[in-house]
Amino acid sequence: MAVPSRSQISPGTTVNIVLKEDQRSGTLTEGVVERLLTKSPNHPHGIKVRLEDGQVGRVKEIL
């Protein structure tokens, strides 16, 4: 499954992310995007975002 590109994600989008501490297990965390942190149009591990609750991780899927 390909990770979403930056153009597909915007503030207010509900997404599943992988937090830094969950990278080995692959546990997904659901939340709403507050801010995009990755500047490039795409990233092999997912675009890094900050959720509204302050958690930071890489987007694995858009809900």
N, C-alpha and C. Protein backbone atom coordinates (compact mmCIF):
# COMPACT_ATOMS: atom_id res chain seq x y z
N MET A 1 0.85 -1.18 0.00
CA MET A 1 0.00 0.00 0.00
C MET A 1 0.89 1.24 0.00
N ALA A 2 0.67 2.12 -0.95
CA ALA A 2 1.47 3.34 -1.05
C ALA A 2 0.98 4.37 -0.02
N VAL A 3 1.94 5.09 0.55
CA VAL A 3 1.56 6.14 1.50
C VAL A 3 1.07 7.36 0.74
N PRO A 4 0.15 8.14 1.33
CA PRO A 4 -0.38 9.33 0.64
C PRO A 4 0.70 10.39 0.42
N SER A 5 0.56 11.16 -0.67
CA SER A 5 1.49 12.26 -0.94
C SER A 5 1.03 13.52 -0.20
N ARG A 6 1.91 14.52 -0.17
CA ARG A 6 1.62 15.76 0.55
C ARG A 6 0.38 16.47 0.02
N SER A 7 0.17 16.40 -1.31
CA SER A 7 -0.97 17.08 -1.93
C SER A 7 -2.32 16.49 -1.51
N GLN A 8 -2.32 15.25 -1.00
CA GLN A 8 -3.55 14.59 -0.57
C GLN A 8 -3.92 14.92 0.88
N ILE A 9 -3.01 15.55 1.60
CA ILE A 9 -3.19 15.80 3.04
C ILE A 9 -3.28 17.31 3.27
N SER A 10 -4.22 17.72 4.10
CA SER A 10 -4.33 19.13 4.46
C SER A 10 -4.81 19.23 5.90
N PRO A 11 -4.61 20.38 6.55
CA PRO A 11 -5.12 20.54 7.92
C PRO A 11 -6.62 20.25 7.96
N GLY A 12 -7.03 19.48 8.96
CA GLY A 12 -8.43 19.09 9.09
C GLY A 12 -8.73 17.70 8.56
N THR A 13 -7.75 17.09 7.88
CA THR A 13 -7.93 15.74 7.33
C THR A 13 -7.78 14.71 8.46
N THR A 14 -8.67 13.73 8.50
CA THR A 14 -8.57 12.64 9.47
C THR A 14 -7.68 11.56 8.87
N VAL A 15 -6.63 11.18 9.62
CA VAL A 15 -5.63 10.24 9.12
C VAL A 15 -5.24 9.22 10.18
N ASN A 16 -4.56 8.17 9.74
CA ASN A 16 -3.89 7.22 10.63
C ASN A 16 -2.40 7.49 10.49
N ILE A 17 -1.71 7.66 11.61
CA ILE A 17 -0.27 7.90 11.58
C ILE A 17 0.46 6.84 12.40
N VAL A 18 1.75 6.72 12.16
CA VAL A 18 2.62 5.89 13.00
C VAL A 18 3.50 6.84 13.79
N LEU A 19 3.42 6.77 15.11
CA LEU A 19 4.26 7.59 15.98
C LEU A 19 5.68 7.03 15.98
N LYS A 20 6.66 7.85 16.32
CA LYS A 20 8.07 7.44 16.35
C LYS A 20 8.25 6.18 17.20
N GLU A 21 7.64 6.17 18.37
CA GLU A 21 7.81 5.02 19.28
C GLU A 21 7.07 3.77 18.80
N ASP A 22 6.17 3.90 17.82
CA ASP A 22 5.42 2.76 17.29
C ASP A 22 5.93 2.27 15.95
N GLN A 23 7.08 2.81 15.47
CA GLN A 23 7.57 2.44 14.15
C GLN A 23 7.87 0.95 14.03
N ARG A 24 8.41 0.33 15.06
CA ARG A 24 8.74 -1.10 15.00
C ARG A 24 7.48 -1.95 14.97
N SER A 25 6.49 -1.61 15.79
CA SER A 25 5.26 -2.41 15.86
C SER A 25 4.29 -2.06 14.75
N GLY A 26 4.37 -0.83 14.23
CA GLY A 26 3.46 -0.40 13.17
C GLY A 26 2.09 -0.01 13.67
N THR A 27 1.94 0.19 14.98
CA THR A 27 0.65 0.58 15.56
C THR A 27 0.21 1.93 15.01
N LEU A 28 -1.03 2.00 14.54
CA LEU A 28 -1.56 3.23 13.97
C LEU A 28 -2.32 4.04 15.01
N THR A 29 -2.22 5.36 14.90
CA THR A 29 -2.91 6.29 15.77
C THR A 29 -3.79 7.18 14.90
N GLU A 30 -5.07 7.26 15.22
CA GLU A 30 -6.00 8.08 14.44
C GLU A 30 -6.06 9.49 14.99
N GLY A 31 -6.16 10.47 14.09
CA GLY A 31 -6.28 11.85 14.53
C GLY A 31 -6.54 12.78 13.37
N VAL A 32 -6.69 14.08 13.72
CA VAL A 32 -6.96 15.11 12.72
C VAL A 32 -5.71 15.97 12.56
N VAL A 33 -5.28 16.18 11.31
CA VAL A 33 -4.06 16.92 11.01
C VAL A 33 -4.22 18.38 11.41
N GLU A 34 -3.24 18.87 12.19
CA GLU A 34 -3.17 20.30 12.53
C GLU A 34 -2.21 21.01 11.59
N ARG A 35 -1.05 20.36 11.31
CA ARG A 35 0.00 21.00 10.52
C ARG A 35 0.84 19.94 9.82
N LEU A 36 1.25 20.23 8.58
CA LEU A 36 2.16 19.36 7.84
C LEU A 36 3.58 19.79 8.14
N LEU A 37 4.44 18.82 8.46
CA LEU A 37 5.82 19.12 8.84
C LEU A 37 6.83 18.79 7.75
N THR A 38 6.47 17.90 6.82
CA THR A 38 7.35 17.54 5.71
C THR A 38 7.14 18.52 4.57
N LYS A 39 8.24 19.06 4.04
CA LYS A 39 8.15 20.04 2.95
C LYS A 39 8.12 19.40 1.57
N SER A 40 8.75 18.23 1.41
CA SER A 40 8.82 17.59 0.09
C SER A 40 7.44 17.05 -0.31
N PRO A 41 7.18 16.90 -1.62
CA PRO A 41 5.87 16.44 -2.10
C PRO A 41 5.53 15.01 -1.68
N ASN A 42 6.55 14.18 -1.44
CA ASN A 42 6.29 12.83 -0.95
C ASN A 42 7.50 12.33 -0.16
N HIS A 43 7.28 11.26 0.59
CA HIS A 43 8.33 10.68 1.42
C HIS A 43 8.07 9.18 1.48
N PRO A 44 9.10 8.35 1.36
CA PRO A 44 8.88 6.90 1.33
C PRO A 44 8.22 6.33 2.59
N HIS A 45 8.39 6.98 3.74
CA HIS A 45 7.79 6.49 4.99
C HIS A 45 6.53 7.24 5.36
N GLY A 46 6.13 8.21 4.57
CA GLY A 46 4.92 8.98 4.85
C GLY A 46 5.24 10.42 5.21
N ILE A 47 4.29 11.31 4.96
CA ILE A 47 4.45 12.73 5.28
C ILE A 47 4.31 12.91 6.79
N LYS A 48 5.25 13.63 7.37
CA LYS A 48 5.21 13.87 8.82
C LYS A 48 4.23 15.00 9.12
N VAL A 49 3.34 14.76 10.08
CA VAL A 49 2.33 15.75 10.47
C VAL A 49 2.24 15.85 11.99
N ARG A 50 1.67 16.99 12.43
CA ARG A 50 1.31 17.16 13.85
C ARG A 50 -0.21 17.09 13.92
N LEU A 51 -0.73 16.26 14.81
CA LEU A 51 -2.17 16.14 15.00
C LEU A 51 -2.66 17.23 15.94
N GLU A 52 -3.98 17.44 15.97
CA GLU A 52 -4.56 18.48 16.82
C GLU A 52 -4.27 18.25 18.30
N ASP A 53 -4.04 16.98 18.70
CA ASP A 53 -3.73 16.69 20.11
C ASP A 53 -2.24 16.79 20.41
N GLY A 54 -1.43 17.21 19.41
CA GLY A 54 0.00 17.44 19.62
C GLY A 54 0.91 16.29 19.25
N GLN A 55 0.36 15.13 18.95
CA GLN A 55 1.19 13.98 18.56
C GLN A 55 1.76 14.19 17.16
N VAL A 56 3.00 13.70 16.95
CA VAL A 56 3.68 13.84 15.67
C VAL A 56 3.99 12.45 15.13
N GLY A 57 3.70 12.25 13.84
CA GLY A 57 4.00 10.97 13.22
C GLY A 57 3.87 11.07 11.72
N ARG A 58 4.06 9.93 11.05
CA ARG A 58 4.01 9.87 9.59
C ARG A 58 2.70 9.25 9.13
N VAL A 59 2.06 9.91 8.15
CA VAL A 59 0.76 9.47 7.66
C VAL A 59 0.90 8.16 6.89
N LYS A 60 0.12 7.19 7.28
CA LYS A 60 0.09 5.89 6.58
C LYS A 60 -1.18 5.74 5.76
N GLU A 61 -2.29 6.36 6.19
CA GLU A 61 -3.52 6.31 5.40
C GLU A 61 -4.44 7.45 5.76
N ILE A 62 -5.26 7.83 4.78
CA ILE A 62 -6.26 8.88 4.97
C ILE A 62 -7.59 8.19 5.22
N LEU A 63 -8.32 8.65 6.21
CA LEU A 63 -9.62 8.03 6.55
C LEU A 63 -10.78 8.81 5.96
